Amino acid sequence: MSYKKILLALPLLVILTSVEAETRYVTDQFKVMVRSGEGTKHKIVRMLPSGYSVDVLGANPETGYSEVRLKNGNTGYILTRQLMAEQSARDRIAVAEQRVEELSAEPGRLSSRLAEIQVENQKLQKSNGSLQSKNAQLEKELKSIKRTASNAVKIANERNELSTRVEGLEQQLSEVKFENQTLSNQSTQKWFMIGAGVTITGIIIGLILPNVRLGRRRKDSWGSL
């Protein structure tokens, strides 16, 4: 007898396992009870509102229950007659009305977004103009710095050249001073020698001249005798 029951239950198991997961919607007439097993003897684990979508994992024609998977991943059993292949008309109308509201509000949002984009574009253009102005100023300053650097190098070269020339002139001046000092010493010695010669000559003349005069006088005296 038990074997007959098992044989009768096998087709039901085949039916349950062969049904692929399909999306179904809870009927819009009332809230649906999700039970932990097939039958009213099993406890209610959740109440689903109208339009709630579930995935059907299998259906048992004998018990009239379908195994479903909820959005949170939990599984349970619902009466198959309380599931619909499509959303109810009331839910579809609600979705359509919501979509109409969204579409009605869309132009306003688009206009607002367009205004925001225009403001952002103006800010970007202003910022771009400011950046271009700063870039031009920086390029001007860079050219000035390059000019100054070039002048600084030129000035440094001229300074080095002038320094070399000054050193040469100072050396020439030292040589000229030395030559002048030498000539001055030679001139002083020359005039000293001349002066000494004149002095000696004067002394000699002063010594000789009286004797010459005395000799003449003596000759004159002897001549008169």
N, C-alpha and C. Protein backbone atom coordinates (compact mmCIF):
# COMPACT_ATOMS: atom_id res chain seq x y z
N MET A 1 0.84 -1.22 0.00
CA MET A 1 0.00 0.00 0.00
C MET A 1 0.86 1.25 0.00
N SER A 2 1.91 1.23 0.76
CA SER A 2 2.81 2.38 0.82
C SER A 2 3.49 2.60 -0.51
N TYR A 3 3.79 1.52 -1.22
CA TYR A 3 4.41 1.66 -2.54
C TYR A 3 3.48 2.34 -3.52
N LYS A 4 2.19 2.03 -3.42
CA LYS A 4 1.22 2.68 -4.31
C LYS A 4 1.17 4.18 -4.06
N LYS A 5 1.24 4.57 -2.81
CA LYS A 5 1.23 6.01 -2.49
C LYS A 5 2.46 6.71 -3.06
N ILE A 6 3.58 6.00 -2.95
CA ILE A 6 4.81 6.59 -3.49
C ILE A 6 4.71 6.74 -4.99
N LEU A 7 4.17 5.71 -5.66
CA LEU A 7 4.02 5.78 -7.12
C LEU A 7 3.07 6.89 -7.53
N LEU A 8 2.01 7.08 -6.75
CA LEU A 8 1.07 8.17 -7.05
C LEU A 8 1.70 9.54 -6.81
N ALA A 9 2.63 9.63 -5.87
CA ALA A 9 3.25 10.93 -5.54
C ALA A 9 4.34 11.31 -6.52
N LEU A 10 4.91 10.34 -7.22
CA LEU A 10 6.00 10.64 -8.15
C LEU A 10 5.60 11.62 -9.24
N PRO A 11 4.43 11.45 -9.90
CA PRO A 11 4.06 12.45 -10.93
C PRO A 11 3.96 13.86 -10.37
N LEU A 12 3.48 13.96 -9.13
CA LEU A 12 3.39 15.29 -8.52
C LEU A 12 4.77 15.90 -8.32
N LEU A 13 5.73 15.07 -7.91
CA LEU A 13 7.10 15.57 -7.74
C LEU A 13 7.70 15.99 -9.06
N VAL A 14 7.38 15.22 -10.11
CA VAL A 14 7.88 15.58 -11.44
C VAL A 14 7.32 16.92 -11.87
N ILE A 15 6.03 17.12 -11.60
CA ILE A 15 5.39 18.39 -11.97
C ILE A 15 6.04 19.54 -11.22
N LEU A 16 6.30 19.34 -9.92
CA LEU A 16 6.89 20.41 -9.10
C LEU A 16 8.30 20.75 -9.57
N THR A 17 9.09 19.77 -9.92
CA THR A 17 10.48 20.01 -10.31
C THR A 17 10.62 20.49 -11.74
N SER A 18 9.63 20.20 -12.59
CA SER A 18 9.74 20.57 -14.00
C SER A 18 9.33 22.01 -14.27
N VAL A 19 8.61 22.61 -13.37
CA VAL A 19 8.15 23.98 -13.58
C VAL A 19 9.31 24.94 -13.34
N GLU A 20 9.66 25.75 -14.33
CA GLU A 20 10.73 26.73 -14.18
C GLU A 20 10.21 27.95 -13.42
N ALA A 21 11.15 28.71 -12.86
CA ALA A 21 10.78 29.90 -12.10
C ALA A 21 10.19 30.94 -13.03
N GLU A 22 8.96 31.34 -12.78
CA GLU A 22 8.27 32.35 -13.57
C GLU A 22 7.79 33.45 -12.64
N THR A 23 7.73 34.66 -13.19
CA THR A 23 7.27 35.80 -12.40
C THR A 23 5.76 35.84 -12.38
N ARG A 24 5.20 35.96 -11.21
CA ARG A 24 3.76 36.10 -11.04
C ARG A 24 3.49 37.26 -10.10
N TYR A 25 2.26 37.78 -10.16
CA TYR A 25 1.86 38.92 -9.34
C TYR A 25 0.69 38.53 -8.45
N VAL A 26 0.73 39.03 -7.24
CA VAL A 26 -0.35 38.76 -6.29
C VAL A 26 -1.62 39.45 -6.75
N THR A 27 -2.75 38.76 -6.66
CA THR A 27 -4.02 39.33 -7.09
C THR A 27 -4.34 40.61 -6.35
N ASP A 28 -5.12 41.49 -7.01
CA ASP A 28 -5.40 42.80 -6.43
C ASP A 28 -6.66 42.80 -5.56
N GLN A 29 -7.21 41.66 -5.25
CA GLN A 29 -8.45 41.63 -4.48
C GLN A 29 -8.21 41.69 -2.97
N PHE A 30 -7.13 41.13 -2.50
CA PHE A 30 -6.87 41.09 -1.06
C PHE A 30 -5.40 40.77 -0.85
N LYS A 31 -4.99 40.84 0.41
CA LYS A 31 -3.63 40.46 0.75
C LYS A 31 -3.52 38.94 0.77
N VAL A 32 -2.37 38.47 0.35
CA VAL A 32 -2.15 37.04 0.21
C VAL A 32 -1.25 36.55 1.34
N MET A 33 -1.61 35.38 1.87
CA MET A 33 -0.83 34.78 2.94
C MET A 33 0.24 33.87 2.36
N VAL A 34 1.44 34.05 2.86
CA VAL A 34 2.54 33.17 2.49
C VAL A 34 2.75 32.21 3.66
N ARG A 35 2.66 30.91 3.36
CA ARG A 35 2.77 29.91 4.42
C ARG A 35 4.10 29.17 4.30
N SER A 36 4.45 28.52 5.39
CA SER A 36 5.70 27.76 5.42
C SER A 36 5.58 26.42 4.72
N GLY A 37 4.39 25.99 4.41
CA GLY A 37 4.18 24.72 3.73
C GLY A 37 2.90 24.75 2.93
N GLU A 38 2.59 23.65 2.26
CA GLU A 38 1.41 23.56 1.40
C GLU A 38 0.21 23.14 2.24
N GLY A 39 -0.60 24.12 2.55
CA GLY A 39 -1.82 23.83 3.30
C GLY A 39 -2.03 24.81 4.43
N THR A 40 -3.29 24.89 4.88
CA THR A 40 -3.64 25.84 5.93
C THR A 40 -3.10 25.44 7.29
N LYS A 41 -2.66 24.19 7.39
CA LYS A 41 -2.12 23.75 8.67
C LYS A 41 -0.73 24.35 8.95
N HIS A 42 -0.11 24.83 7.89
CA HIS A 42 1.22 25.45 8.05
C HIS A 42 1.06 26.93 8.43
N LYS A 43 2.02 27.42 9.18
CA LYS A 43 1.91 28.78 9.70
C LYS A 43 2.13 29.83 8.61
N ILE A 44 1.53 31.00 8.86
CA ILE A 44 1.69 32.14 7.95
C ILE A 44 3.02 32.83 8.28
N VAL A 45 3.86 32.98 7.28
CA VAL A 45 5.17 33.62 7.50
C VAL A 45 5.19 35.07 7.02
N ARG A 46 4.21 35.41 6.15
CA ARG A 46 4.19 36.79 5.66
C ARG A 46 2.89 37.05 4.94
N MET A 47 2.49 38.35 4.93
CA MET A 47 1.33 38.80 4.16
C MET A 47 1.83 39.69 3.03
N LEU A 48 1.45 39.36 1.80
CA LEU A 48 1.91 40.13 0.64
C LEU A 48 0.81 41.04 0.14
N PRO A 49 1.15 42.30 -0.21
CA PRO A 49 0.15 43.23 -0.73
C PRO A 49 -0.16 42.94 -2.19
N SER A 50 -1.19 43.58 -2.68
CA SER A 50 -1.58 43.44 -4.08
C SER A 50 -0.49 43.97 -4.99
N GLY A 51 -0.22 43.22 -6.07
CA GLY A 51 0.77 43.66 -7.05
C GLY A 51 2.19 43.26 -6.72
N TYR A 52 2.41 42.61 -5.59
CA TYR A 52 3.76 42.18 -5.21
C TYR A 52 4.22 41.07 -6.15
N SER A 53 5.43 41.21 -6.70
CA SER A 53 5.92 40.21 -7.65
C SER A 53 6.74 39.14 -6.93
N VAL A 54 6.55 37.90 -7.35
CA VAL A 54 7.27 36.77 -6.78
C VAL A 54 7.75 35.88 -7.92
N ASP A 55 8.75 35.05 -7.63
CA ASP A 55 9.23 34.06 -8.59
C ASP A 55 8.66 32.70 -8.21
N VAL A 56 7.93 32.11 -9.16
CA VAL A 56 7.32 30.80 -8.91
C VAL A 56 8.35 29.71 -9.18
N LEU A 57 8.65 28.93 -8.16
CA LEU A 57 9.63 27.85 -8.28
C LEU A 57 8.98 26.52 -8.66
N GLY A 58 7.71 26.37 -8.35
CA GLY A 58 7.02 25.13 -8.68
C GLY A 58 5.55 25.22 -8.28
N ALA A 59 4.70 24.42 -8.92
CA ALA A 59 3.26 24.42 -8.63
C ALA A 59 2.78 22.99 -8.42
N ASN A 60 1.93 22.79 -7.43
CA ASN A 60 1.38 21.47 -7.12
C ASN A 60 -0.13 21.50 -7.35
N PRO A 61 -0.57 20.90 -8.47
CA PRO A 61 -2.01 20.92 -8.75
C PRO A 61 -2.84 20.20 -7.69
N GLU A 62 -2.27 19.23 -7.02
CA GLU A 62 -3.01 18.47 -6.02
C GLU A 62 -3.39 19.35 -4.83
N THR A 63 -2.41 20.12 -4.34
CA THR A 63 -2.67 20.96 -3.16
C THR A 63 -3.16 22.35 -3.54
N GLY A 64 -2.91 22.74 -4.81
CA GLY A 64 -3.31 24.08 -5.24
C GLY A 64 -2.36 25.16 -4.76
N TYR A 65 -1.17 24.76 -4.30
CA TYR A 65 -0.18 25.74 -3.83
C TYR A 65 1.01 25.79 -4.79
N SER A 66 1.63 26.96 -4.81
CA SER A 66 2.86 27.16 -5.59
C SER A 66 3.97 27.60 -4.64
N GLU A 67 5.15 27.05 -4.87
CA GLU A 67 6.32 27.51 -4.09
C GLU A 67 6.88 28.77 -4.75
N VAL A 68 7.07 29.81 -3.97
CA VAL A 68 7.51 31.10 -4.52
C VAL A 68 8.75 31.58 -3.76
N ARG A 69 9.51 32.43 -4.47
CA ARG A 69 10.66 33.09 -3.84
C ARG A 69 10.37 34.59 -3.78
N LEU A 70 10.50 35.17 -2.60
CA LEU A 70 10.23 36.59 -2.40
C LEU A 70 11.44 37.44 -2.81
N LYS A 71 11.24 38.75 -2.77
CA LYS A 71 12.31 39.66 -3.18
C LYS A 71 13.51 39.61 -2.25
N ASN A 72 13.26 39.26 -0.98
CA ASN A 72 14.37 39.17 -0.02
C ASN A 72 15.08 37.83 -0.07
N GLY A 73 14.65 36.94 -0.97
CA GLY A 73 15.30 35.65 -1.12
C GLY A 73 14.64 34.52 -0.35
N ASN A 74 13.73 34.84 0.55
CA ASN A 74 13.03 33.80 1.30
C ASN A 74 12.02 33.08 0.40
N THR A 75 11.70 31.85 0.77
CA THR A 75 10.71 31.07 0.01
C THR A 75 9.51 30.72 0.89
N GLY A 76 8.39 30.47 0.23
CA GLY A 76 7.16 30.10 0.93
C GLY A 76 6.15 29.53 -0.06
N TYR A 77 4.93 29.35 0.42
CA TYR A 77 3.89 28.74 -0.43
C TYR A 77 2.65 29.63 -0.45
N ILE A 78 2.12 29.83 -1.67
CA ILE A 78 0.93 30.66 -1.90
C ILE A 78 -0.05 29.84 -2.73
N LEU A 79 -1.34 30.08 -2.50
CA LEU A 79 -2.36 29.45 -3.35
C LEU A 79 -2.15 29.89 -4.79
N THR A 80 -2.11 28.92 -5.69
CA THR A 80 -1.82 29.21 -7.09
C THR A 80 -2.86 30.15 -7.69
N ARG A 81 -4.14 30.03 -7.27
CA ARG A 81 -5.20 30.88 -7.84
C ARG A 81 -5.05 32.34 -7.44
N GLN A 82 -4.20 32.60 -6.44
CA GLN A 82 -3.99 33.98 -6.01
C GLN A 82 -2.82 34.65 -6.74
N LEU A 83 -2.29 33.99 -7.76
CA LEU A 83 -1.19 34.54 -8.55
C LEU A 83 -1.66 34.83 -9.96
N MET A 84 -1.17 35.93 -10.54
CA MET A 84 -1.53 36.33 -11.91
C MET A 84 -0.26 36.48 -12.73
N ALA A 85 -0.40 36.20 -14.03
CA ALA A 85 0.76 36.31 -14.92
C ALA A 85 1.13 37.77 -15.18
N GLU A 86 0.17 38.68 -15.06
CA GLU A 86 0.41 40.10 -15.27
C GLU A 86 -0.07 40.87 -14.06
N GLN A 87 0.41 42.09 -13.98
CA GLN A 87 -0.06 42.95 -12.90
C GLN A 87 -1.55 43.24 -13.08
N SER A 88 -2.19 43.52 -12.00
CA SER A 88 -3.62 43.83 -12.06
C SER A 88 -3.82 45.17 -12.76
N ALA A 89 -5.03 45.36 -13.25
CA ALA A 89 -5.36 46.61 -13.94
C ALA A 89 -5.14 47.80 -13.02
N ARG A 90 -5.52 47.65 -11.77
CA ARG A 90 -5.36 48.76 -10.83
C ARG A 90 -3.89 49.12 -10.66
N ASP A 91 -3.02 48.10 -10.57
CA ASP A 91 -1.59 48.37 -10.43
C ASP A 91 -1.01 48.97 -11.70
N ARG A 92 -1.49 48.46 -12.86
CA ARG A 92 -1.00 49.02 -14.11
C ARG A 92 -1.43 50.46 -14.26
N ILE A 93 -2.65 50.77 -13.84
CA ILE A 93 -3.12 52.16 -13.91
C ILE A 93 -2.29 53.05 -12.99
N ALA A 94 -2.00 52.53 -11.79
CA ALA A 94 -1.19 53.32 -10.85
C ALA A 94 0.20 53.59 -11.42
N VAL A 95 0.79 52.56 -12.05
CA VAL A 95 2.11 52.74 -12.66
C VAL A 95 2.04 53.73 -13.80
N ALA A 96 0.97 53.63 -14.62
CA ALA A 96 0.81 54.54 -15.75
C ALA A 96 0.63 55.97 -15.26
N GLU A 97 -0.18 56.15 -14.22
CA GLU A 97 -0.38 57.49 -13.67
C GLU A 97 0.93 58.07 -13.13
N GLN A 98 1.69 57.23 -12.46
CA GLN A 98 2.98 57.70 -11.94
C GLN A 98 3.91 58.09 -13.08
N ARG A 99 3.87 57.30 -14.16
CA ARG A 99 4.70 57.62 -15.31
C ARG A 99 4.27 58.91 -15.96
N VAL A 100 2.94 59.12 -16.04
CA VAL A 100 2.42 60.38 -16.60
C VAL A 100 2.89 61.56 -15.77
N GLU A 101 2.83 61.41 -14.45
CA GLU A 101 3.31 62.48 -13.58
C GLU A 101 4.79 62.76 -13.81
N GLU A 102 5.56 61.69 -13.95
CA GLU A 102 6.99 61.86 -14.20
C GLU A 102 7.24 62.57 -15.52
N LEU A 103 6.48 62.14 -16.57
CA LEU A 103 6.64 62.78 -17.87
C LEU A 103 6.19 64.23 -17.85
N SER A 104 5.13 64.51 -17.07
CA SER A 104 4.65 65.89 -16.96
C SER A 104 5.67 66.77 -16.26
N ALA A 105 6.34 66.19 -15.27
CA ALA A 105 7.34 66.97 -14.54
C ALA A 105 8.67 67.04 -15.28
N GLU A 106 8.84 66.16 -16.27
CA GLU A 106 10.13 66.10 -16.98
C GLU A 106 10.50 67.40 -17.68
N PRO A 107 9.57 68.08 -18.42
CA PRO A 107 9.95 69.34 -19.06
C PRO A 107 10.45 70.37 -18.07
N GLY A 108 9.78 70.45 -16.90
CA GLY A 108 10.24 71.40 -15.89
C GLY A 108 11.63 71.06 -15.40
N ARG A 109 11.88 69.77 -15.16
CA ARG A 109 13.21 69.36 -14.72
C ARG A 109 14.25 69.63 -15.80
N LEU A 110 13.84 69.36 -17.06
CA LEU A 110 14.78 69.61 -18.16
C LEU A 110 15.09 71.09 -18.29
N SER A 111 14.04 71.93 -18.15
CA SER A 111 14.26 73.38 -18.23
C SER A 111 15.17 73.85 -17.11
N SER A 112 14.91 73.31 -15.90
CA SER A 112 15.76 73.67 -14.76
C SER A 112 17.20 73.22 -14.98
N ARG A 113 17.34 72.00 -15.49
CA ARG A 113 18.68 71.49 -15.75
C ARG A 113 19.37 72.29 -16.83
N LEU A 114 18.59 72.69 -17.88
CA LEU A 114 19.15 73.50 -18.95
C LEU A 114 19.65 74.83 -18.40
N ALA A 115 18.86 75.45 -17.51
CA ALA A 115 19.28 76.71 -16.90
C ALA A 115 20.56 76.52 -16.09
N GLU A 116 20.62 75.41 -15.34
CA GLU A 116 21.82 75.13 -14.56
C GLU A 116 23.04 74.95 -15.47
N ILE A 117 22.83 74.23 -16.58
CA ILE A 117 23.94 74.02 -17.52
C ILE A 117 24.39 75.34 -18.13
N GLN A 118 23.42 76.21 -18.47
CA GLN A 118 23.78 77.51 -19.03
C GLN A 118 24.58 78.34 -18.04
N VAL A 119 24.16 78.31 -16.77
CA VAL A 119 24.90 79.05 -15.73
C VAL A 119 26.31 78.48 -15.59
N GLU A 120 26.40 77.14 -15.57
CA GLU A 120 27.71 76.50 -15.47
C GLU A 120 28.58 76.86 -16.68
N ASN A 121 27.95 76.91 -17.87
CA ASN A 121 28.68 77.26 -19.08
C ASN A 121 29.21 78.68 -19.00
N GLN A 122 28.38 79.61 -18.51
CA GLN A 122 28.82 80.99 -18.35
C GLN A 122 29.99 81.08 -17.37
N LYS A 123 29.87 80.31 -16.27
CA LYS A 123 30.97 80.31 -15.29
C LYS A 123 32.26 79.78 -15.91
N LEU A 124 32.10 78.69 -16.70
CA LEU A 124 33.27 78.11 -17.34
C LEU A 124 33.89 79.07 -18.34
N GLN A 125 33.03 79.77 -19.11
CA GLN A 125 33.55 80.75 -20.07
C GLN A 125 34.27 81.88 -19.35
N LYS A 126 33.68 82.33 -18.24
CA LYS A 126 34.32 83.39 -17.46
C LYS A 126 35.65 82.91 -16.89
N SER A 127 35.62 81.69 -16.37
CA SER A 127 36.85 81.11 -15.83
C SER A 127 37.89 80.93 -16.92
N ASN A 128 37.44 80.52 -18.11
CA ASN A 128 38.35 80.34 -19.23
C ASN A 128 38.97 81.67 -19.64
N GLY A 129 38.14 82.73 -19.67
CA GLY A 129 38.66 84.06 -19.98
C GLY A 129 39.69 84.51 -18.95
N SER A 130 39.38 84.25 -17.68
CA SER A 130 40.32 84.62 -16.62
C SER A 130 41.63 83.85 -16.76
N LEU A 131 41.51 82.56 -17.09
CA LEU A 131 42.72 81.75 -17.26
C LEU A 131 43.55 82.23 -18.45
N GLN A 132 42.86 82.60 -19.54
CA GLN A 132 43.58 83.12 -20.69
C GLN A 132 44.30 84.42 -20.35
N SER A 133 43.62 85.30 -19.58
CA SER A 133 44.23 86.55 -19.15
C SER A 133 45.45 86.29 -18.28
N LYS A 134 45.30 85.35 -17.33
CA LYS A 134 46.43 85.00 -16.47
C LYS A 134 47.58 84.40 -17.27
N ASN A 135 47.23 83.59 -18.27
CA ASN A 135 48.25 82.98 -19.11
C ASN A 135 49.01 84.04 -19.89
N ALA A 136 48.27 85.02 -20.43
CA ALA A 136 48.92 86.12 -21.16
C ALA A 136 49.84 86.91 -20.23
N GLN A 137 49.36 87.18 -19.01
CA GLN A 137 50.17 87.91 -18.04
C GLN A 137 51.44 87.13 -17.68
N LEU A 138 51.29 85.82 -17.50
CA LEU A 138 52.45 84.99 -17.18
C LEU A 138 53.45 84.96 -18.33
N GLU A 139 52.93 84.89 -19.56
CA GLU A 139 53.83 84.90 -20.72
C GLU A 139 54.57 86.23 -20.80
N LYS A 140 53.86 87.33 -20.49
CA LYS A 140 54.49 88.65 -20.50
C LYS A 140 55.59 88.72 -19.44
N GLU A 141 55.28 88.22 -18.24
CA GLU A 141 56.27 88.22 -17.17
C GLU A 141 57.46 87.34 -17.53
N LEU A 142 57.18 86.21 -18.19
CA LEU A 142 58.26 85.31 -18.60
C LEU A 142 59.19 85.99 -19.61
N LYS A 143 58.60 86.69 -20.57
CA LYS A 143 59.41 87.42 -21.54
C LYS A 143 60.26 88.48 -20.85
N SER A 144 59.64 89.19 -19.88
CA SER A 144 60.38 90.21 -19.14
C SER A 144 61.54 89.60 -18.37
N ILE A 145 61.28 88.44 -17.75
CA ILE A 145 62.34 87.76 -16.99
C ILE A 145 63.46 87.32 -17.93
N LYS A 146 63.08 86.79 -19.10
CA LYS A 146 64.09 86.37 -20.07
C LYS A 146 64.92 87.57 -20.53
N ARG A 147 64.21 88.72 -20.77
CA ARG A 147 64.91 89.93 -21.17
C ARG A 147 65.87 90.38 -20.09
N THR A 148 65.38 90.38 -18.84
CA THR A 148 66.22 90.79 -17.72
C THR A 148 67.42 89.87 -17.56
N ALA A 149 67.16 88.57 -17.72
CA ALA A 149 68.26 87.61 -17.61
C ALA A 149 69.29 87.84 -18.70
N SER A 150 68.80 88.11 -19.93
CA SER A 150 69.71 88.37 -21.04
C SER A 150 70.52 89.63 -20.78
N ASN A 151 69.84 90.69 -20.28
CA ASN A 151 70.54 91.93 -19.95
C ASN A 151 71.54 91.71 -18.82
N ALA A 152 71.15 90.87 -17.86
CA ALA A 152 72.05 90.60 -16.74
C ALA A 152 73.32 89.92 -17.22
N VAL A 153 73.17 88.97 -18.16
CA VAL A 153 74.34 88.30 -18.71
C VAL A 153 75.20 89.29 -19.49
N LYS A 154 74.54 90.13 -20.26
CA LYS A 154 75.27 91.14 -21.03
C LYS A 154 76.00 92.10 -20.11
N ILE A 155 75.30 92.54 -19.06
CA ILE A 155 75.92 93.46 -18.10
C ILE A 155 77.10 92.78 -17.40
N ALA A 156 76.93 91.51 -17.05
CA ALA A 156 78.01 90.78 -16.40
C ALA A 156 79.23 90.68 -17.32
N ASN A 157 78.98 90.41 -18.60
CA ASN A 157 80.09 90.33 -19.56
C ASN A 157 80.78 91.68 -19.70
N GLU A 158 79.97 92.76 -19.80
CA GLU A 158 80.55 94.10 -19.90
C GLU A 158 81.34 94.44 -18.65
N ARG A 159 80.80 94.06 -17.48
CA ARG A 159 81.49 94.33 -16.22
C ARG A 159 82.83 93.61 -16.17
N ASN A 160 82.83 92.35 -16.60
CA ASN A 160 84.08 91.60 -16.62
C ASN A 160 85.09 92.22 -17.57
N GLU A 161 84.56 92.67 -18.74
CA GLU A 161 85.45 93.31 -19.71
C GLU A 161 86.02 94.60 -19.15
N LEU A 162 85.15 95.42 -18.53
CA LEU A 162 85.62 96.67 -17.93
C LEU A 162 86.60 96.41 -16.80
N SER A 163 86.33 95.37 -16.02
CA SER A 163 87.24 95.03 -14.93
C SER A 163 88.62 94.67 -15.47
N THR A 164 88.62 93.92 -16.58
CA THR A 164 89.90 93.56 -17.20
C THR A 164 90.62 94.80 -17.71
N ARG A 165 89.86 95.70 -18.34
CA ARG A 165 90.45 96.93 -18.85
C ARG A 165 91.00 97.79 -17.72
N VAL A 166 90.23 97.85 -16.61
CA VAL A 166 90.68 98.65 -15.46
C VAL A 166 91.97 98.08 -14.89
N GLU A 167 92.04 96.76 -14.80
CA GLU A 167 93.26 96.13 -14.30
C GLU A 167 94.45 96.46 -15.20
N GLY A 168 94.20 96.44 -16.55
CA GLY A 168 95.27 96.78 -17.48
C GLY A 168 95.71 98.23 -17.33
N LEU A 169 94.70 99.12 -17.19
CA LEU A 169 95.03 100.54 -17.02
C LEU A 169 95.77 100.79 -15.72
N GLU A 170 95.35 100.10 -14.66
CA GLU A 170 96.04 100.26 -13.38
C GLU A 170 97.49 99.79 -13.48
N GLN A 171 97.71 98.70 -14.21
CA GLN A 171 99.08 98.22 -14.39
C GLN A 171 99.90 99.23 -15.19
N GLN A 172 99.26 99.77 -16.27
CA GLN A 172 99.96 100.79 -17.06
C GLN A 172 100.26 102.02 -16.22
N LEU A 173 99.31 102.41 -15.37
CA LEU A 173 99.51 103.57 -14.51
C LEU A 173 100.67 103.33 -13.54
N SER A 174 100.74 102.13 -13.01
CA SER A 174 101.85 101.80 -12.10
C SER A 174 103.18 101.89 -12.82
N GLU A 175 103.20 101.39 -14.07
CA GLU A 175 104.44 101.46 -14.85
C GLU A 175 104.82 102.90 -15.14
N VAL A 176 103.81 103.71 -15.50
CA VAL A 176 104.08 105.13 -15.78
C VAL A 176 104.59 105.84 -14.54
N LYS A 177 103.97 105.54 -13.39
CA LYS A 177 104.42 106.15 -12.14
C LYS A 177 105.87 105.77 -11.83
N PHE A 178 106.17 104.47 -12.08
CA PHE A 178 107.53 104.02 -11.83
C PHE A 178 108.52 104.74 -12.74
N GLU A 179 108.14 104.86 -14.04
CA GLU A 179 109.01 105.57 -14.98
C GLU A 179 109.17 107.03 -14.59
N ASN A 180 108.07 107.66 -14.18
CA ASN A 180 108.15 109.06 -13.76
C ASN A 180 109.05 109.21 -12.54
N GLN A 181 108.91 108.29 -11.61
CA GLN A 181 109.75 108.34 -10.43
C GLN A 181 111.22 108.18 -10.79
N THR A 182 111.46 107.25 -11.74
CA THR A 182 112.84 107.03 -12.19
C THR A 182 113.39 108.28 -12.86
N LEU A 183 112.59 108.85 -13.77
CA LEU A 183 113.02 110.08 -14.46
C LEU A 183 113.21 111.22 -13.48
N SER A 184 112.33 111.29 -12.51
CA SER A 184 112.45 112.35 -11.50
C SER A 184 113.74 112.20 -10.72
N ASN A 185 114.07 110.96 -10.36
CA ASN A 185 115.31 110.72 -9.62
C ASN A 185 116.52 111.06 -10.48
N GLN A 186 116.47 110.66 -11.76
CA GLN A 186 117.58 110.97 -12.67
C GLN A 186 117.73 112.47 -12.86
N SER A 187 116.58 113.17 -13.01
CA SER A 187 116.63 114.63 -13.18
C SER A 187 117.21 115.30 -11.95
N THR A 188 116.79 114.80 -10.79
CA THR A 188 117.31 115.39 -9.54
C THR A 188 118.81 115.19 -9.44
N GLN A 189 119.26 113.97 -9.78
CA GLN A 189 120.70 113.71 -9.74
C GLN A 189 121.45 114.60 -10.74
N LYS A 190 120.85 114.78 -11.94
CA LYS A 190 121.49 115.60 -12.96
C LYS A 190 121.66 117.03 -12.49
N TRP A 191 120.54 117.56 -11.96
CA TRP A 191 120.62 118.95 -11.49
C TRP A 191 121.54 119.07 -10.28
N PHE A 192 121.57 118.00 -9.48
CA PHE A 192 122.50 118.03 -8.35
C PHE A 192 123.95 118.08 -8.84
N MET A 193 124.23 117.27 -9.86
CA MET A 193 125.57 117.26 -10.42
C MET A 193 125.92 118.59 -11.05
N ILE A 194 124.94 119.16 -11.76
CA ILE A 194 125.18 120.47 -12.38
C ILE A 194 125.46 121.52 -11.31
N GLY A 195 124.58 121.49 -10.30
CA GLY A 195 124.77 122.47 -9.21
C GLY A 195 126.11 122.28 -8.52
N ALA A 196 126.47 121.01 -8.30
CA ALA A 196 127.76 120.75 -7.66
C ALA A 196 128.91 121.22 -8.54
N GLY A 197 128.77 120.98 -9.86
CA GLY A 197 129.82 121.42 -10.79
C GLY A 197 129.96 122.92 -10.79
N VAL A 198 128.81 123.57 -10.81
CA VAL A 198 128.85 125.05 -10.79
C VAL A 198 129.51 125.54 -9.51
N THR A 199 129.16 124.92 -8.41
CA THR A 199 129.73 125.34 -7.12
C THR A 199 131.23 125.12 -7.10
N ILE A 200 131.63 123.95 -7.54
CA ILE A 200 133.07 123.65 -7.56
C ILE A 200 133.80 124.60 -8.50
N THR A 201 133.18 124.85 -9.67
CA THR A 201 133.79 125.78 -10.63
C THR A 201 133.94 127.16 -10.01
N GLY A 202 132.89 127.57 -9.30
CA GLY A 202 132.95 128.89 -8.65
C GLY A 202 134.05 128.94 -7.61
N ILE A 203 134.18 127.85 -6.87
CA ILE A 203 135.24 127.82 -5.84
C ILE A 203 136.61 127.89 -6.50
N ILE A 204 136.77 127.11 -7.58
CA ILE A 204 138.07 127.11 -8.27
C ILE A 204 138.37 128.50 -8.81
N ILE A 205 137.38 129.09 -9.44
CA ILE A 205 137.59 130.44 -9.98
C ILE A 205 137.93 131.41 -8.86
N GLY A 206 137.19 131.21 -7.76
CA GLY A 206 137.45 132.12 -6.63
C GLY A 206 138.84 131.95 -6.07
N LEU A 207 139.39 130.78 -6.17
CA LEU A 207 140.75 130.55 -5.67
C LEU A 207 141.80 131.01 -6.67
N ILE A 208 141.54 130.81 -7.95
CA ILE A 208 142.54 131.13 -8.98
C ILE A 208 142.56 132.63 -9.27
N LEU A 209 141.43 133.23 -9.35
CA LEU A 209 141.34 134.64 -9.79
C LEU A 209 142.18 135.57 -8.91
N PRO A 210 142.21 135.47 -7.63
CA PRO A 210 143.07 136.38 -6.84
C PRO A 210 144.54 136.18 -7.16
N ASN A 211 144.96 134.99 -7.37
CA ASN A 211 146.36 134.74 -7.70
C ASN A 211 146.73 135.34 -9.03
N VAL A 212 145.80 135.25 -9.99
CA VAL A 212 146.07 135.85 -11.31
C VAL A 212 146.24 137.35 -11.17
N ARG A 213 145.38 137.95 -10.43
CA ARG A 213 145.47 139.40 -10.23
C ARG A 213 146.78 139.78 -9.50
N LEU A 214 147.12 138.99 -8.54
CA LEU A 214 148.35 139.28 -7.78
C LEU A 214 149.57 139.16 -8.68
N GLY A 215 149.58 138.19 -9.56
CA GLY A 215 150.71 138.02 -10.48
C GLY A 215 150.81 139.18 -11.42
N ARG A 216 149.74 139.66 -11.90
CA ARG A 216 149.76 140.80 -12.81
C ARG A 216 150.30 142.03 -12.10
N ARG A 217 149.88 142.17 -10.89
CA ARG A 217 150.38 143.34 -10.15
C ARG A 217 151.90 143.26 -9.97
N ARG A 218 152.34 142.08 -9.68
CA ARG A 218 153.79 141.95 -9.50
C ARG A 218 154.54 142.24 -10.80
N LYS A 219 153.98 141.77 -11.89
CA LYS A 219 154.62 142.06 -13.18
C LYS A 219 154.65 143.55 -13.46
N ASP A 220 153.55 144.17 -13.14
CA ASP A 220 153.50 145.62 -13.37
C ASP A 220 154.53 146.34 -12.49
N SER A 221 154.68 145.81 -11.28
CA SER A 221 155.65 146.46 -10.37
C SER A 221 157.06 146.27 -10.91
N TRP A 222 157.44 145.21 -11.33
CA TRP A 222 158.77 144.96 -11.89
C TRP A 222 158.97 145.72 -13.18
N GLY A 223 157.92 145.88 -13.91
CA GLY A 223 158.08 146.63 -15.16
C GLY A 223 158.36 148.09 -14.91
N SER A 224 157.77 148.61 -13.89
CA SER A 224 157.99 150.01 -13.61
C SER A 224 159.38 150.25 -13.06
N LEU A 225 159.99 149.28 -12.49
CA LEU A 225 161.34 149.42 -12.00
C LEU A 225 162.32 149.32 -13.17
